[in-house]
N, C-alpha and C. Protein backbone atom coordinates (compact mmCIF):
# COMPACT_ATOMS: atom_id res chain seq x y z
N MET A 1 50.90 96.36 2.41
CA MET A 1 50.78 97.89 1.78
C MET A 1 50.37 98.88 2.92
N LEU A 2 51.44 99.99 3.17
CA LEU A 2 50.91 101.09 3.82
C LEU A 2 49.98 102.33 3.48
N LEU A 3 49.26 102.22 4.44
CA LEU A 3 48.08 103.03 3.86
C LEU A 3 48.57 104.41 5.13
N SER A 4 48.20 105.50 4.67
CA SER A 4 48.65 106.58 5.08
C SER A 4 47.29 107.45 5.43
N VAL A 5 47.20 108.12 6.32
CA VAL A 5 46.16 108.32 7.01
C VAL A 5 45.92 109.43 5.90
N ALA A 6 46.67 110.28 5.24
CA ALA A 6 46.28 111.82 4.26
C ALA A 6 45.81 111.23 3.04
N GLY A 7 46.46 110.03 2.95
CA GLY A 7 45.66 108.93 1.36
C GLY A 7 44.21 108.65 1.95
N ARG A 8 43.94 108.44 3.25
CA ARG A 8 42.62 107.69 3.40
C ARG A 8 41.13 108.58 2.59
N LYS A 9 40.12 108.09 1.97
CA LYS A 9 39.11 109.80 1.62
C LYS A 9 38.81 109.87 3.08
N GLY A 10 38.01 111.07 3.07
CA GLY A 10 37.35 112.22 4.63
C GLY A 10 38.16 112.15 5.85
N ALA A 11 39.65 111.85 5.63
CA ALA A 11 41.06 111.71 6.36
C ALA A 11 41.17 113.17 7.48
N GLY A 12 40.71 113.99 6.46
CA GLY A 12 40.59 115.33 7.01
C GLY A 12 40.07 116.12 8.12
N THR A 13 38.89 115.42 7.72
CA THR A 13 37.76 115.37 8.92
C THR A 13 37.93 114.93 10.14
N GLU A 14 38.33 113.54 9.97
CA GLU A 14 38.49 112.55 11.59
C GLU A 14 40.26 113.61 11.86
N ASN A 15 41.08 113.91 11.17
CA ASN A 15 41.86 114.50 11.78
C ASN A 15 41.95 115.80 12.66
N GLY A 16 40.56 116.70 12.09
CA GLY A 16 40.17 118.03 12.48
C GLY A 16 39.70 117.37 13.30
N ALA A 17 38.64 116.31 13.84
CA ALA A 17 38.16 115.99 14.70
C ALA A 17 39.38 116.29 16.12
N TYR A 18 40.56 115.66 15.81
CA TYR A 18 41.26 115.06 16.87
C TYR A 18 41.91 116.10 16.65
N ASP A 19 42.35 117.02 16.51
CA ASP A 19 42.94 118.45 16.43
C ASP A 19 42.11 119.39 17.61
N VAL A 20 40.60 119.04 17.27
CA VAL A 20 40.00 120.13 18.45
C VAL A 20 40.07 118.80 19.70
N ILE A 21 40.09 117.87 19.99
CA ILE A 21 39.76 117.24 21.05
C ILE A 21 40.73 117.27 22.26
N ILE A 22 42.30 116.62 21.42
CA ILE A 22 42.85 116.70 22.20
C ILE A 22 43.41 117.53 22.66
N PRO A 23 43.49 119.12 22.10
CA PRO A 23 44.06 120.02 23.30
C PRO A 23 42.55 120.45 24.49
N ILE A 24 41.61 119.99 24.24
CA ILE A 24 40.25 120.15 24.91
C ILE A 24 40.55 119.47 26.43
N VAL A 25 41.10 117.96 26.16
CA VAL A 25 41.05 116.89 27.20
C VAL A 25 42.54 117.58 27.77
N LEU A 26 43.35 117.92 27.18
CA LEU A 26 44.97 118.83 28.25
C LEU A 26 44.22 120.00 29.02
N LEU A 27 43.64 120.23 28.27
CA LEU A 27 43.05 121.78 29.22
C LEU A 27 42.63 121.51 29.96
N VAL A 28 41.64 120.03 29.94
CA VAL A 28 41.05 120.16 31.17
C VAL A 28 41.74 118.72 31.90
N VAL A 29 42.56 117.89 31.92
CA VAL A 29 43.97 117.58 32.64
C VAL A 29 44.59 118.64 33.15
N ALA A 30 44.85 119.54 32.47
CA ALA A 30 45.80 120.25 33.07
C ALA A 30 44.86 121.59 34.01
N ILE A 31 43.82 121.45 34.34
CA ILE A 31 42.74 122.49 35.10
C ILE A 31 42.79 121.74 36.22
N VAL A 32 42.63 120.25 36.56
CA VAL A 32 42.16 119.24 37.66
C VAL A 32 43.33 119.30 38.19
N LEU A 33 44.84 119.03 37.20
CA LEU A 33 45.44 118.79 38.22
C LEU A 33 45.87 119.85 38.86
N LEU A 34 45.60 121.54 38.35
CA LEU A 34 46.16 122.49 38.62
C LEU A 34 44.99 123.26 40.27
N LEU A 35 43.63 122.46 40.21
CA LEU A 35 43.06 122.51 41.48
C LEU A 35 43.51 122.11 42.52
N ALA A 36 43.59 120.22 42.13
CA ALA A 36 44.43 119.99 43.14
C ALA A 36 44.89 120.01 44.04
N ALA A 37 46.32 120.91 43.68
CA ALA A 37 47.83 121.19 43.59
C ALA A 37 47.46 122.35 44.47
N VAL A 38 46.36 122.66 44.68
CA VAL A 38 45.67 124.24 45.27
C VAL A 38 45.18 123.95 46.40
N LYS A 39 44.96 122.57 46.14
CA LYS A 39 44.09 122.03 47.18
C LYS A 39 45.22 121.54 48.63
N VAL A 40 46.57 121.00 47.64
CA VAL A 40 47.11 120.63 48.81
C VAL A 40 47.69 122.07 49.38
N VAL A 41 47.76 123.20 48.70
CA VAL A 41 48.67 123.83 49.18
C VAL A 41 47.95 124.38 49.92
N THR A 42 47.03 124.95 49.63
CA THR A 42 45.91 125.45 51.28
C THR A 42 45.95 124.44 52.37
N GLY A 43 45.98 123.14 52.08
CA GLY A 43 45.46 122.36 53.32
C GLY A 43 46.67 122.61 54.10
N LEU A 44 47.91 122.49 53.18
CA LEU A 44 49.18 122.30 53.82
C LEU A 44 49.51 123.43 54.69
N LEU A 45 49.12 125.05 54.30
CA LEU A 45 49.06 126.21 54.64
C LEU A 45 48.32 126.02 56.28
N PHE A 46 47.03 125.39 56.06
CA PHE A 46 45.98 125.32 57.32
C PHE A 46 47.01 125.00 58.00
N PHE A 47 47.18 123.54 58.17
CA PHE A 47 47.77 122.60 59.09
C PHE A 47 48.91 123.45 59.71
N ALA A 48 49.92 123.97 58.90
CA ALA A 48 50.86 124.76 59.10
C ALA A 48 50.26 125.83 60.50
N LEU A 49 49.62 126.68 60.12
CA LEU A 49 48.99 128.10 60.54
C LEU A 49 48.36 127.14 62.08
N SER A 50 48.02 125.78 61.43
CA SER A 50 47.14 125.70 62.99
C SER A 50 47.89 125.27 64.03
N TRP A 51 49.19 124.65 63.94
CA TRP A 51 50.30 124.38 64.76
C TRP A 51 51.03 125.59 64.97
N VAL A 52 51.34 126.63 64.55
CA VAL A 52 51.53 128.26 64.92
C VAL A 52 50.84 128.32 65.81
N ILE A 53 49.56 128.39 65.49
CA ILE A 53 48.69 128.98 66.64
C ILE A 53 48.50 128.37 67.79
N LEU A 54 48.70 126.68 67.50
CA LEU A 54 48.84 125.90 69.12
C LEU A 54 49.80 125.87 69.78
N GLY A 55 51.48 126.29 69.05
CA GLY A 55 52.37 127.16 69.89
C GLY A 55 52.58 128.31 70.37
N LEU A 56 51.37 129.15 69.90
CA LEU A 56 51.32 130.33 70.43
C LEU A 56 50.35 130.05 71.77
N ILE A 57 49.52 129.40 71.40
CA ILE A 57 48.51 128.98 72.77
C ILE A 57 49.20 128.82 74.05
N ALA A 58 49.89 127.55 73.48
CA ALA A 58 50.35 126.75 74.84
C ALA A 58 52.01 127.38 75.54
N GLY A 59 52.73 127.85 74.30
CA GLY A 59 53.78 128.58 74.41
C GLY A 59 53.56 130.11 75.37
N TRP A 60 52.24 130.60 75.21
CA TRP A 60 52.14 131.55 75.79
C TRP A 60 51.56 131.53 77.48
N ILE A 61 50.93 130.49 77.51
CA ILE A 61 50.70 130.38 78.60
C ILE A 61 51.64 129.21 79.48
N ALA A 62 52.55 128.55 78.96
CA ALA A 62 53.64 127.97 80.12
C ALA A 62 54.63 129.16 80.08
N SER A 63 54.78 129.94 79.27
CA SER A 63 56.07 131.25 79.85
C SER A 63 55.15 132.06 81.12
N LYS A 64 54.01 132.19 81.24
CA LYS A 64 53.64 132.67 82.17
C LYS A 64 53.24 132.04 83.05
N VAL A 65 53.10 130.69 83.82
CA VAL A 65 53.93 129.80 84.56
C VAL A 65 54.77 129.96 85.21
N VAL A 66 55.56 128.94 84.05
CA VAL A 66 57.28 129.16 84.60
C VAL A 66 58.17 130.34 84.06
N GLY A 67 57.16 131.32 83.31
CA GLY A 67 58.65 132.31 83.20
C GLY A 67 59.16 131.77 82.08
N SER A 68 59.69 132.86 81.05
CA SER A 68 60.72 132.13 79.69
C SER A 68 61.12 133.67 79.01
N PRO A 69 62.41 133.49 78.95
CA PRO A 69 63.45 134.68 78.53
C PRO A 69 63.12 134.20 76.97
N TYR A 70 62.72 133.63 76.12
CA TYR A 70 62.84 133.20 74.58
C TYR A 70 61.51 134.83 73.70
N GLY A 71 60.67 135.02 74.19
CA GLY A 71 60.26 136.13 73.30
C GLY A 71 59.40 135.18 72.61
N LEU A 72 58.16 136.12 71.87
CA LEU A 72 57.08 135.25 70.89
C LEU A 72 57.50 134.30 70.04
N GLY A 73 58.81 134.41 69.78
CA GLY A 73 59.14 133.23 68.71
C GLY A 73 59.64 132.21 69.43
N GLY A 74 59.98 132.27 70.33
CA GLY A 74 60.39 131.25 71.23
C GLY A 74 59.14 130.22 72.07
N ASP A 75 59.00 131.53 72.44
CA ASP A 75 57.25 131.09 73.08
C ASP A 75 56.37 129.98 71.71
N ILE A 76 56.07 130.35 70.48
CA ILE A 76 55.80 129.79 69.74
C ILE A 76 56.26 128.55 69.60
N LEU A 77 58.17 128.09 69.46
CA LEU A 77 58.21 126.81 69.35
C LEU A 77 58.40 126.11 70.38
N VAL A 78 57.98 126.56 71.79
CA VAL A 78 58.75 125.68 72.99
C VAL A 78 57.01 125.57 73.16
N GLY A 79 56.12 125.67 72.76
CA GLY A 79 54.61 125.59 72.40
C GLY A 79 54.56 124.15 71.68
N ILE A 80 54.87 124.58 70.08
CA ILE A 80 55.28 123.34 69.53
C ILE A 80 55.47 122.28 69.88
N ALA A 81 56.78 122.26 70.01
CA ALA A 81 57.63 121.30 70.80
C ALA A 81 56.70 120.95 71.98
N GLY A 82 56.78 121.66 72.79
CA GLY A 82 55.62 120.97 74.22
C GLY A 82 54.15 120.34 73.81
N SER A 83 53.90 120.72 72.80
CA SER A 83 52.70 119.58 71.86
C SER A 83 53.36 118.23 71.49
N VAL A 84 54.37 118.37 71.22
CA VAL A 84 54.37 117.02 70.77
C VAL A 84 55.08 115.83 72.12
N ILE A 85 56.06 116.89 73.08
CA ILE A 85 56.34 116.34 73.83
C ILE A 85 55.00 115.50 74.80
N GLY A 86 54.22 116.45 75.14
CA GLY A 86 52.90 116.71 75.63
C GLY A 86 52.12 115.69 75.04
N GLY A 87 52.07 115.12 73.92
CA GLY A 87 51.53 114.32 73.40
C GLY A 87 52.16 112.63 73.43
N ALA A 88 53.91 112.66 73.83
CA ALA A 88 53.78 111.32 74.04
C ALA A 88 53.87 111.47 75.19
N ILE A 89 53.47 112.23 76.11
CA ILE A 89 54.17 111.94 77.50
C ILE A 89 52.64 111.29 77.81
N PHE A 90 51.23 111.84 76.90
CA PHE A 90 50.14 111.34 77.31
C PHE A 90 49.98 110.20 76.75
N SER A 91 50.62 109.40 75.50
CA SER A 91 49.67 108.52 74.86
C SER A 91 50.67 107.39 75.44
N LEU A 92 52.30 107.85 76.15
CA LEU A 92 52.75 106.16 76.93
C LEU A 92 51.68 106.12 78.40
N LEU A 93 51.73 107.41 78.82
CA LEU A 93 50.81 106.84 80.44
C LEU A 93 49.84 106.75 79.90
N PHE A 94 48.95 107.43 79.67
CA PHE A 94 47.04 107.18 79.54
C PHE A 94 46.30 106.25 78.16
N HIS A 95 47.82 105.80 77.27
CA HIS A 95 47.10 105.34 76.29
C HIS A 95 45.85 106.10 75.85
N VAL A 96 46.01 107.23 75.53
CA VAL A 96 45.30 107.93 74.88
C VAL A 96 45.75 109.40 73.74
N ARG A 97 44.72 108.92 72.95
CA ARG A 97 45.78 110.16 71.41
C ARG A 97 44.25 111.92 71.76
N THR A 98 44.72 112.89 71.54
CA THR A 98 44.50 113.90 71.95
C THR A 98 43.42 114.53 70.09
N GLY A 99 42.88 115.04 70.18
CA GLY A 99 41.77 115.10 69.32
C GLY A 99 42.57 115.92 67.80
N GLY A 100 41.81 116.65 66.96
CA GLY A 100 42.92 117.67 66.39
C GLY A 100 43.77 118.58 67.09
N THR A 101 44.33 119.49 65.80
CA THR A 101 45.14 120.14 66.40
C THR A 101 45.01 121.49 67.59
N LEU A 102 43.70 122.14 67.10
CA LEU A 102 43.00 122.95 68.20
C LEU A 102 41.95 122.35 69.06
N SER A 103 42.01 121.38 69.18
CA SER A 103 40.58 120.60 70.13
C SER A 103 41.10 121.43 71.47
N PRO A 104 40.27 121.38 72.44
CA PRO A 104 40.67 122.03 73.97
C PRO A 104 41.79 120.83 74.68
N SER A 105 41.79 119.18 74.23
CA SER A 105 42.32 118.58 75.03
C SER A 105 43.51 118.58 74.29
N HIS A 106 43.81 118.89 72.99
CA HIS A 106 45.04 118.93 72.72
C HIS A 106 45.89 120.39 73.00
N VAL A 107 44.88 120.60 73.15
CA VAL A 107 45.71 122.79 73.39
C VAL A 107 46.13 122.22 74.74
N LEU A 108 45.49 121.63 75.90
CA LEU A 108 45.48 121.04 77.08
C LEU A 108 47.12 120.29 77.89
N VAL A 109 46.91 119.14 76.84
CA VAL A 109 47.85 118.23 76.53
C VAL A 109 49.43 118.97 76.13
N SER A 110 49.25 120.47 75.47
CA SER A 110 49.93 120.90 74.81
C SER A 110 50.57 121.96 75.75
N ILE A 111 49.67 122.83 76.40
CA ILE A 111 50.38 123.05 77.49
C ILE A 111 51.17 122.92 79.09
N VAL A 112 50.72 121.45 78.94
CA VAL A 112 51.15 120.62 80.08
C VAL A 112 52.67 120.29 79.84
N GLY A 113 53.03 119.72 78.42
CA GLY A 113 54.15 119.11 77.63
C GLY A 113 55.08 120.72 77.79
N ALA A 114 54.87 122.11 77.13
CA ALA A 114 55.38 122.85 77.11
C ALA A 114 55.93 123.39 78.44
N ILE A 115 54.67 123.11 79.70
CA ILE A 115 55.72 122.91 80.79
C ILE A 115 56.51 122.58 81.41
N ILE A 116 55.97 121.22 80.73
CA ILE A 116 57.35 120.72 80.74
C ILE A 116 58.32 120.95 80.68
N LEU A 117 58.90 121.37 79.30
CA LEU A 117 59.87 121.44 78.31
C LEU A 117 60.52 122.82 79.01
N LEU A 118 59.82 124.15 79.59
CA LEU A 118 60.65 124.86 80.16
C LEU A 118 61.11 124.76 81.60
N ALA A 119 60.44 124.16 82.26
CA ALA A 119 60.71 123.91 83.45
C ALA A 119 62.30 123.01 83.50
N ALA A 120 62.21 121.71 82.39
CA ALA A 120 63.53 121.15 82.09
C ALA A 120 64.62 122.01 81.43
N MET A 121 64.58 122.94 80.89
CA MET A 121 65.37 123.44 79.96
C MET A 121 65.85 124.73 81.31
N ARG A 122 64.82 124.81 82.01
CA ARG A 122 65.41 126.04 83.15
C ARG A 122 66.00 125.13 84.62
N ALA A 123 65.56 123.92 84.92
CA ALA A 123 66.60 122.66 85.41
C ALA A 123 68.05 122.23 84.88
N PHE A 124 68.08 122.39 83.27
CA PHE A 124 69.25 121.57 82.44
C PHE A 124 70.02 122.72 82.26
N GLY A 125 68.82 124.02 81.91
CA GLY A 125 69.70 125.25 81.83
C GLY A 125 70.79 125.83 82.35
N GLY A 126 71.14 125.49 83.63
CA GLY A 126 71.70 126.56 84.40
C GLY A 126 71.17 127.93 84.93
N ARG A 127 72.09 128.71 85.45
CA ARG A 127 72.26 130.00 85.37
C ARG A 127 71.61 130.79 84.27
N ALA A 128 72.42 130.70 82.96
CA ALA A 128 71.94 131.38 81.90
C ALA A 128 70.23 131.89 81.82
N ILE A 129 69.38 130.20 81.59
CA ILE A 129 68.53 130.67 81.42
C ILE A 129 67.52 131.49 82.99
N ALA A 130 68.08 130.95 83.91
CA ALA A 130 67.64 131.96 85.11
C ALA A 130 67.67 133.29 84.98
N ARG A 131 68.92 133.67 84.60
CA ARG A 131 69.64 134.92 84.61
C ARG A 131 68.64 135.43 83.55
N ARG A 132 68.41 134.98 82.28
CA ARG A 132 67.16 135.70 81.55
C ARG A 132 65.88 135.97 81.97
N ALA A 133 65.43 135.08 82.87
CA ALA A 133 64.11 135.47 82.81
C ALA A 133 64.30 136.28 84.12
């Protein structure tokens, strides 16, 4: 024999409690998920911002040392690429890893990598790059 919930005595009070608890639980879960998403997005923005700042510093210094015709945006890209190149070279040659993105050792490695990249671009780019500088 099947008993329906509505047919039991006192069923209205039990369902009433569930009608209140379920939306509250769903609201709490939604708030927790929203806060987690905000934390992830904020972390990604700060991560990207630190790489742009690092690229700006390394690219600007490398452009002053070697000379660069690429402007501010190009210097940032050269600095970011130089950071990757410098990090790879230093880890292969010296078996060391630099610290955080904006640590002094990482900035120095990025500058060296950006200088190497600009020098290689100048050497292999021929007269077109040398003419722009």
